[in-house]
PDB file of N, CA and C in Angstrom:
ATOM      1  N   MET A   1    -101.592 -14.261-180.131  1.00  0.00           N
ATOM      2  CA  MET A   1    -101.271 -12.877-179.937  1.00  0.00           C
ATOM      3  C   MET A   1    -102.533 -12.173-179.476  1.00  0.00           C
ATOM      4  N   ALA A   2    -102.439 -11.321-178.506  1.00  0.00           N
ATOM      5  CA  ALA A   2    -103.605 -10.600-178.026  1.00  0.00           C
ATOM      6  C   ALA A   2    -104.163  -9.734-179.140  1.00  0.00           C
ATOM      7  N   GLU A   3    -105.467  -9.717-179.244  1.00  0.00           N
ATOM      8  CA  GLU A   3    -106.107  -8.989-180.336  1.00  0.00           C
ATOM      9  C   GLU A   3    -105.795  -7.497-180.305  1.00  0.00           C
ATOM     10  N   SER A   4    -105.619  -6.919-179.123  1.00  0.00           N
ATOM     11  CA  SER A   4    -105.336  -5.493-179.050  1.00  0.00           C
ATOM     12  C   SER A   4    -103.840  -5.198-179.014  1.00  0.00           C
ATOM     13  N   ALA A   5    -103.016  -6.213-179.202  1.00  0.00           N
ATOM     14  CA  ALA A   5    -101.575  -6.039-179.065  1.00  0.00           C
ATOM     15  C   ALA A   5    -100.990  -5.130-180.131  1.00  0.00           C
ATOM     16  N   ILE A   6    -101.386  -5.295-181.368  1.00  0.00           N
ATOM     17  CA  ILE A   6    -100.861  -4.472-182.445  1.00  0.00           C
ATOM     18  C   ILE A   6    -102.003  -4.038-183.339  1.00  0.00           C
ATOM     19  N   THR A   7    -101.802  -2.962-184.058  1.00  0.00           N
ATOM     20  CA  THR A   7    -102.867  -2.450-184.909  1.00  0.00           C
ATOM     21  C   THR A   7    -103.147  -3.360-186.084  1.00  0.00           C
ATOM     22  N   SER A   8    -102.236  -4.257-186.381  1.00  0.00           N
ATOM     23  CA  SER A   8    -102.426  -5.176-187.504  1.00  0.00           C
ATOM     24  C   SER A   8    -103.033  -6.491-187.028  1.00  0.00           C
ATOM     25  N   GLU A   9    -104.022  -6.412-186.153  1.00  0.00           N
ATOM     26  CA  GLU A   9    -104.638  -7.620-185.600  1.00  0.00           C
ATOM     27  C   GLU A   9    -105.255  -8.488-186.687  1.00  0.00           C
ATOM     28  N   GLY A  10    -105.524  -7.932-187.852  1.00  0.00           N
ATOM     29  CA  GLY A  10    -106.056  -8.708-188.953  1.00  0.00           C
ATOM     30  C   GLY A  10    -104.974  -9.336-189.816  1.00  0.00           C
ATOM     31  N   TRP A  11    -103.730  -9.236-189.381  1.00  0.00           N
ATOM     32  CA  TRP A  11    -102.598  -9.774-190.133  1.00  0.00           C
ATOM     33  C   TRP A  11    -102.753 -11.276-190.292  1.00  0.00           C
ATOM     34  N   ARG A  12    -102.549 -11.785-191.480  1.00  0.00           N
ATOM     35  CA  ARG A  12    -102.849 -13.180-191.805  1.00  0.00           C
ATOM     36  C   ARG A  12    -101.889 -14.201-191.207  1.00  0.00           C
ATOM     37  N   TYR A  13    -100.756 -13.767-190.671  1.00  0.00           N
ATOM     38  CA  TYR A  13     -99.811 -14.696-190.051  1.00  0.00           C
ATOM     39  C   TYR A  13     -99.704 -14.497-188.537  1.00  0.00           C
ATOM     40  N   ALA A  14    -100.635 -13.810-187.941  1.00  0.00           N
ATOM     41  CA  ALA A  14    -100.598 -13.526-186.500  1.00  0.00           C
ATOM     42  C   ALA A  14    -100.644 -14.793-185.656  1.00  0.00           C
ATOM     43  N   HIS A  15    -101.228 -15.856-186.172  1.00  0.00           N
ATOM     44  CA  HIS A  15    -101.357 -17.100-185.405  1.00  0.00           C
ATOM     45  C   HIS A  15    -100.019 -17.809-185.182  1.00  0.00           C
ATOM     46  N   TYR A  16     -98.956 -17.348-185.832  1.00  0.00           N
ATOM     47  CA  TYR A  16     -97.633 -17.928-185.617  1.00  0.00           C
ATOM     48  C   TYR A  16     -96.879 -17.240-184.477  1.00  0.00           C
ATOM     49  N   PHE A  17     -97.492 -16.248-183.857  1.00  0.00           N
ATOM     50  CA  PHE A  17     -96.846 -15.485-182.795  1.00  0.00           C
ATOM     51  C   PHE A  17     -97.752 -15.396-181.576  1.00  0.00           C
ATOM     52  N   GLU A  18     -97.113 -15.338-180.411  1.00  0.00           N
ATOM     53  CA  GLU A  18     -97.827 -15.194-179.150  1.00  0.00           C
ATOM     54  C   GLU A  18     -97.414 -13.869-178.518  1.00  0.00           C
ATOM     55  N   PHE A  19     -98.394 -13.066-178.134  1.00  0.00           N
ATOM     56  CA  PHE A  19     -98.132 -11.776-177.512  1.00  0.00           C
ATOM     57  C   PHE A  19     -97.440 -11.979-176.169  1.00  0.00           C
ATOM     58  N   VAL A  20     -96.369 -11.198-175.923  1.00  0.00           N
ATOM     59  CA  VAL A  20     -95.651 -11.260-174.651  1.00  0.00           C
ATOM     60  C   VAL A  20     -95.891  -9.992-173.853  1.00  0.00           C
ATOM     61  N   ARG A  21     -95.575  -8.840-174.449  1.00  0.00           N
ATOM     62  CA  ARG A  21     -95.774  -7.574-173.733  1.00  0.00           C
ATOM     63  C   ARG A  21     -95.771  -6.402-174.711  1.00  0.00           C
ATOM     64  N   ARG A  22     -96.286  -5.302-174.212  1.00  0.00           N
ATOM     65  CA  ARG A  22     -96.258  -4.051-174.969  1.00  0.00           C
ATOM     66  C   ARG A  22     -95.710  -2.971-174.055  1.00  0.00           C
ATOM     67  N   ILE A  23     -94.700  -2.258-174.537  1.00  0.00           N
ATOM     68  CA  ILE A  23     -94.133  -1.129-173.808  1.00  0.00           C
ATOM     69  C   ILE A  23     -94.162   0.058-174.751  1.00  0.00           C
ATOM     70  N   ASP A  24     -94.972   1.025-174.397  1.00  0.00           N
ATOM     71  CA  ASP A  24     -95.191   2.200-175.238  1.00  0.00           C
ATOM     72  C   ASP A  24     -95.638   1.763-176.636  1.00  0.00           C
ATOM     73  N   ARG A  25     -94.831   2.060-177.657  1.00  0.00           N
ATOM     74  CA  ARG A  25     -95.212   1.712-179.033  1.00  0.00           C
ATOM     75  C   ARG A  25     -94.494   0.469-179.540  1.00  0.00           C
ATOM     76  N   ASN A  26     -93.832  -0.256-178.652  1.00  0.00           N
ATOM     77  CA  ASN A  26     -93.125  -1.481-179.036  1.00  0.00           C
ATOM     78  C   ASN A  26     -93.853  -2.707-178.499  1.00  0.00           C
ATOM     79  N   VAL A  27     -93.930  -3.729-179.326  1.00  0.00           N
ATOM     80  CA  VAL A  27     -94.593  -4.973-178.961  1.00  0.00           C
ATOM     81  C   VAL A  27     -93.566  -6.097-179.029  1.00  0.00           C
ATOM     82  N   THR A  28     -93.582  -6.975-178.037  1.00  0.00           N
ATOM     83  CA  THR A  28     -92.729  -8.159-178.031  1.00  0.00           C
ATOM     84  C   THR A  28     -93.619  -9.380-178.179  1.00  0.00           C
ATOM     85  N   VAL A  29     -93.229 -10.265-179.089  1.00  0.00           N
ATOM     86  CA  VAL A  29     -93.984 -11.494-179.336  1.00  0.00           C
ATOM     87  C   VAL A  29     -93.027 -12.677-179.322  1.00  0.00           C
ATOM     88  N   ARG A  30     -93.571 -13.884-179.155  1.00  0.00           N
ATOM     89  CA  ARG A  30     -92.793 -15.114-179.212  1.00  0.00           C
ATOM     90  C   ARG A  30     -93.198 -15.867-180.463  1.00  0.00           C
ATOM     91  N   CYS A  31     -92.214 -16.306-181.232  1.00  0.00           N
ATOM     92  CA  CYS A  31     -92.485 -17.089-182.431  1.00  0.00           C
ATOM     93  C   CYS A  31     -92.822 -18.514-182.017  1.00  0.00           C
ATOM     94  N   LYS A  32     -93.983 -19.008-182.442  1.00  0.00           N
ATOM     95  CA  LYS A  32     -94.419 -20.364-182.103  1.00  0.00           C
ATOM     96  C   LYS A  32     -93.708 -21.428-182.935  1.00  0.00           C
ATOM     97  N   LEU A  33     -93.058 -21.040-184.023  1.00  0.00           N
ATOM     98  CA  LEU A  33     -92.356 -21.993-184.880  1.00  0.00           C
ATOM     99  C   LEU A  33     -90.923 -22.246-184.429  1.00  0.00           C
ATOM    100  N   CYS A  34     -90.342 -21.292-183.732  1.00  0.00           N
ATOM    101  CA  CYS A  34     -88.957 -21.431-183.280  1.00  0.00           C
ATOM    102  C   CYS A  34     -88.888 -22.317-182.042  1.00  0.00           C
ATOM    103  N   PRO A  35     -87.852 -23.171-181.971  1.00  0.00           N
ATOM    104  CA  PRO A  35     -87.665 -23.942-180.739  1.00  0.00           C
ATOM    105  C   PRO A  35     -87.212 -22.998-179.623  1.00  0.00           C
ATOM    106  N   GLY A  36     -87.627 -23.283-178.422  1.00  0.00           N
ATOM    107  CA  GLY A  36     -87.244 -22.426-177.305  1.00  0.00           C
ATOM    108  C   GLY A  36     -88.125 -21.197-177.220  1.00  0.00           C
ATOM    109  N   GLN A  37     -87.557 -20.139-176.727  1.00  0.00           N
ATOM    110  CA  GLN A  37     -88.308 -18.909-176.479  1.00  0.00           C
ATOM    111  C   GLN A  37     -87.786 -17.763-177.346  1.00  0.00           C
ATOM    112  N   LYS A  38     -87.920 -17.853-178.653  1.00  0.00           N
ATOM    113  CA  LYS A  38     -87.446 -16.810-179.565  1.00  0.00           C
ATOM    114  C   LYS A  38     -88.374 -15.610-179.469  1.00  0.00           C
ATOM    115  N   LEU A  39     -87.866 -14.502-178.904  1.00  0.00           N
ATOM    116  CA  LEU A  39     -88.648 -13.284-178.769  1.00  0.00           C
ATOM    117  C   LEU A  39     -88.267 -12.313-179.874  1.00  0.00           C
ATOM    118  N   LEU A  40     -89.278 -11.659-180.415  1.00  0.00           N
ATOM    119  CA  LEU A  40     -89.084 -10.672-181.476  1.00  0.00           C
ATOM    120  C   LEU A  40     -89.759  -9.379-181.064  1.00  0.00           C
ATOM    121  N   SER A  41     -89.179  -8.273-181.466  1.00  0.00           N
ATOM    122  CA  SER A  41     -89.730  -6.968-181.145  1.00  0.00           C
ATOM    123  C   SER A  41     -90.136  -6.265-182.431  1.00  0.00           C
ATOM    124  N   THR A  42     -91.232  -5.547-182.359  1.00  0.00           N
ATOM    125  CA  THR A  42     -91.708  -4.801-183.519  1.00  0.00           C
ATOM    126  C   THR A  42     -92.466  -3.576-183.042  1.00  0.00           C
ATOM    127  N   ALA A  43     -92.586  -2.596-183.905  1.00  0.00           N
ATOM    128  CA  ALA A  43     -93.411  -1.436-183.586  1.00  0.00           C
ATOM    129  C   ALA A  43     -94.871  -1.871-183.601  1.00  0.00           C
ATOM    130  N   ALA A  44     -95.693  -1.203-182.820  1.00  0.00           N
ATOM    131  CA  ALA A  44     -97.094  -1.602-182.678  1.00  0.00           C
ATOM    132  C   ALA A  44     -97.900  -1.415-183.957  1.00  0.00           C
ATOM    133  N   ASN A  45     -97.406  -0.640-184.902  1.00  0.00           N
ATOM    134  CA  ASN A  45     -98.189  -0.359-186.107  1.00  0.00           C
ATOM    135  C   ASN A  45     -97.648  -1.033-187.368  1.00  0.00           C
ATOM    136  N   THR A  46     -96.757  -2.025-187.221  1.00  0.00           N
ATOM    137  CA  THR A  46     -96.195  -2.686-188.395  1.00  0.00           C
ATOM    138  C   THR A  46     -95.860  -4.144-188.091  1.00  0.00           C
ATOM    139  N   THR A  47     -95.815  -4.936-189.134  1.00  0.00           N
ATOM    140  CA  THR A  47     -95.444  -6.344-188.980  1.00  0.00           C
ATOM    141  C   THR A  47     -94.230  -6.695-189.836  1.00  0.00           C
ATOM    142  N   SER A  48     -93.508  -5.704-190.337  1.00  0.00           N
ATOM    143  CA  SER A  48     -92.399  -5.975-191.256  1.00  0.00           C
ATOM    144  C   SER A  48     -91.308  -6.829-190.612  1.00  0.00           C
ATOM    145  N   ASN A  49     -90.953  -6.575-189.340  1.00  0.00           N
ATOM    146  CA  ASN A  49     -89.945  -7.406-188.673  1.00  0.00           C
ATOM    147  C   ASN A  49     -90.410  -8.850-188.578  1.00  0.00           C
ATOM    148  N   LEU A  50     -91.683  -9.046-188.308  1.00  0.00           N
ATOM    149  CA  LEU A  50     -92.223 -10.399-188.166  1.00  0.00           C
ATOM    150  C   LEU A  50     -92.285 -11.099-189.518  1.00  0.00           C
ATOM    151  N   ASN A  51     -92.649 -10.358-190.566  1.00  0.00           N
ATOM    152  CA  ASN A  51     -92.647 -10.926-191.919  1.00  0.00           C
ATOM    153  C   ASN A  51     -91.245 -11.372-192.317  1.00  0.00           C
ATOM    154  N   LYS A  52     -90.261 -10.529-192.058  1.00  0.00           N
ATOM    155  CA  LYS A  52     -88.874 -10.858-192.403  1.00  0.00           C
ATOM    156  C   LYS A  52     -88.403 -12.084-191.630  1.00  0.00           C
ATOM    157  N   HIS A  53     -88.791 -12.174-190.368  1.00  0.00           N
ATOM    158  CA  HIS A  53     -88.417 -13.347-189.572  1.00  0.00           C
ATOM    159  C   HIS A  53     -88.984 -14.619-190.195  1.00  0.00           C
ATOM    160  N   LEU A  54     -90.252 -14.604-190.553  1.00  0.00           N
ATOM    161  CA  LEU A  54     -90.876 -15.783-191.157  1.00  0.00           C
ATOM    162  C   LEU A  54     -90.205 -16.147-192.477  1.00  0.00           C
ATOM    163  N   GLN A  55     -89.915 -15.148-193.309  1.00  0.00           N
ATOM    164  CA  GLN A  55     -89.315 -15.400-194.619  1.00  0.00           C
ATOM    165  C   GLN A  55     -87.893 -15.941-194.505  1.00  0.00           C
ATOM    166  N   ARG A  56     -87.116 -15.419-193.578  1.00  0.00           N
ATOM    167  CA  ARG A  56     -85.710 -15.817-193.469  1.00  0.00           C
ATOM    168  C   ARG A  56     -85.516 -17.087-192.635  1.00  0.00           C
ATOM    169  N   THR A  57     -86.128 -17.125-191.489  1.00  0.00           N
ATOM    170  CA  THR A  57     -85.890 -18.227-190.560  1.00  0.00           C
ATOM    171  C   THR A  57     -86.710 -19.463-190.891  1.00  0.00           C
ATOM    172  N   HIS A  58     -87.901 -19.253-191.414  1.00  0.00           N
ATOM    173  CA  HIS A  58     -88.805 -20.375-191.678  1.00  0.00           C
ATOM    174  C   HIS A  58     -89.144 -20.471-193.168  1.00  0.00           C
ATOM    175  N   ALA A  59     -88.149 -20.221-194.006  1.00  0.00           N
ATOM    176  CA  ALA A  59     -88.359 -20.220-195.457  1.00  0.00           C
ATOM    177  C   ALA A  59     -88.824 -21.576-195.982  1.00  0.00           C
ATOM    178  N   LYS A  60     -88.442 -22.650-195.315  1.00  0.00           N
ATOM    179  CA  LYS A  60     -88.813 -23.986-195.787  1.00  0.00           C
ATOM    180  C   LYS A  60     -90.165 -24.455-195.249  1.00  0.00           C
ATOM    181  N   VAL A  61     -90.770 -23.658-194.381  1.00  0.00           N
ATOM    182  CA  VAL A  61     -92.076 -24.007-193.811  1.00  0.00           C
ATOM    183  C   VAL A  61     -93.168 -23.456-194.716  1.00  0.00           C
ATOM    184  N   LYS A  62     -94.145 -24.285-195.026  1.00  0.00           N
ATOM    185  CA  LYS A  62     -95.284 -23.814-195.815  1.00  0.00           C
ATOM    186  C   LYS A  62     -96.228 -23.083-194.873  1.00  0.00           C
ATOM    187  N   LEU A  63     -96.196 -21.763-194.937  1.00  0.00           N
ATOM    188  CA  LEU A  63     -97.018 -20.947-194.053  1.00  0.00           C
ATOM    189  C   LEU A  63     -98.449 -20.904-194.559  1.00  0.00           C
ATOM    190  N   ILE A  64     -99.370 -20.985-193.644  1.00  0.00           N
ATOM    191  CA  ILE A  64    -100.788 -20.927-193.984  1.00  0.00           C
ATOM    192  C   ILE A  64    -101.324 -19.574-193.551  1.00  0.00           C
ATOM    193  N   ALA A  65    -101.804 -18.806-194.514  1.00  0.00           N
ATOM    194  CA  ALA A  65    -102.377 -17.493-194.228  1.00  0.00           C
ATOM    195  C   ALA A  65    -103.821 -17.674-193.786  1.00  0.00           C
ATOM    196  N   LYS A  66    -104.155 -17.078-192.659  1.00  0.00           N
ATOM    197  CA  LYS A  66    -105.521 -17.150-192.146  1.00  0.00           C
ATOM    198  C   LYS A  66    -106.267 -15.894-192.566  1.00  0.00           C
ATOM    199  N   ASP A  67    -107.503 -16.073-192.966  1.00  0.00           N
ATOM    200  CA  ASP A  67    -108.359 -14.935-193.281  1.00  0.00           C
ATOM    201  C   ASP A  67    -108.859 -14.377-191.966  1.00  0.00           C
ATOM    202  N   ARG A  68    -108.390 -13.200-191.596  1.00  0.00           N
ATOM    203  CA  ARG A  68    -108.718 -12.623-190.300  1.00  0.00           C
ATOM    204  C   ARG A  68    -109.823 -11.582-190.384  1.00  0.00           C
ATOM    205  N   THR A  69    -110.502 -11.492-191.527  1.00  0.00           N
ATOM    206  CA  THR A  69    -111.587 -10.529-191.650  1.00  0.00           C
ATOM    207  C   THR A  69    -112.800 -11.048-190.906  1.00  0.00           C
ATOM    208  N   PRO A  70    -113.506 -10.179-190.205  1.00  0.00           N
ATOM    209  CA  PRO A  70    -114.673 -10.630-189.446  1.00  0.00           C
ATOM    210  C   PRO A  70    -115.807 -11.066-190.366  1.00  0.00           C
ATOM    211  N   GLU A  71    -116.598 -11.991-189.870  1.00  0.00           N
ATOM    212  CA  GLU A  71    -117.764 -12.456-190.616  1.00  0.00           C
ATOM    213  C   GLU A  71    -118.757 -11.305-190.753  1.00  0.00           C
ATOM    214  N   PRO A  72    -119.394 -11.168-191.917  1.00  0.00           N
ATOM    215  CA  PRO A  72    -120.403 -10.118-192.055  1.00  0.00           C
ATOM    216  C   PRO A  72    -121.602 -10.440-191.169  1.00  0.00           C
ATOM    217  N   ARG A  73    -122.161  -9.411-190.575  1.00  0.00           N
ATOM    218  CA  ARG A  73    -123.313  -9.599-189.702  1.00  0.00           C
ATOM    219  C   ARG A  73    -124.578  -9.682-190.535  1.00  0.00           C
ATOM    220  N   VAL A  74    -125.440 -10.561-190.119  1.00  0.00           N
ATOM    221  CA  VAL A  74    -126.730 -10.712-190.789  1.00  0.00           C
ATOM    222  C   VAL A  74    -127.763  -9.987-189.952  1.00  0.00           C
ATOM    223  N   ARG A  75    -128.478  -9.125-190.587  1.00  0.00           N
ATOM    224  CA  ARG A  75    -129.489  -8.344-189.868  1.00  0.00           C
ATOM    225  C   ARG A  75    -130.796  -9.119-189.850  1.00  0.00           C
ATOM    226  N   MET A  76    -131.310  -9.356-188.666  1.00  0.00           N
ATOM    227  CA  MET A  76    -132.565 -10.077-188.501  1.00  0.00           C
ATOM    228  C   MET A  76    -133.708  -9.077-188.494  1.00  0.00           C
ATOM    229  N   LEU A  77    -134.708  -9.320-189.307  1.00  0.00           N
ATOM    230  CA  LEU A  77    -135.872  -8.428-189.357  1.00  0.00           C
ATOM    231  C   LEU A  77    -136.976  -8.926-188.485  1.00  0.00           C
TER     232      LEU A  77
END
């Protein structure tokens, strides 16, 4: 998923989706777990539709949450 695609770029399950397009405040993504080209739509500021999709459609899949927080910067003196 493109990093600037949605405001929840730090979302821990973003790696299961591929950014397709953004139109105004709506984002379309493709689920990488679904066979074929399963497209999902969500508002740019929320991931609730995507969470529900993962919980309902892929309930038997052990999802791995990725830590998407940036590494702390080390200041060199």
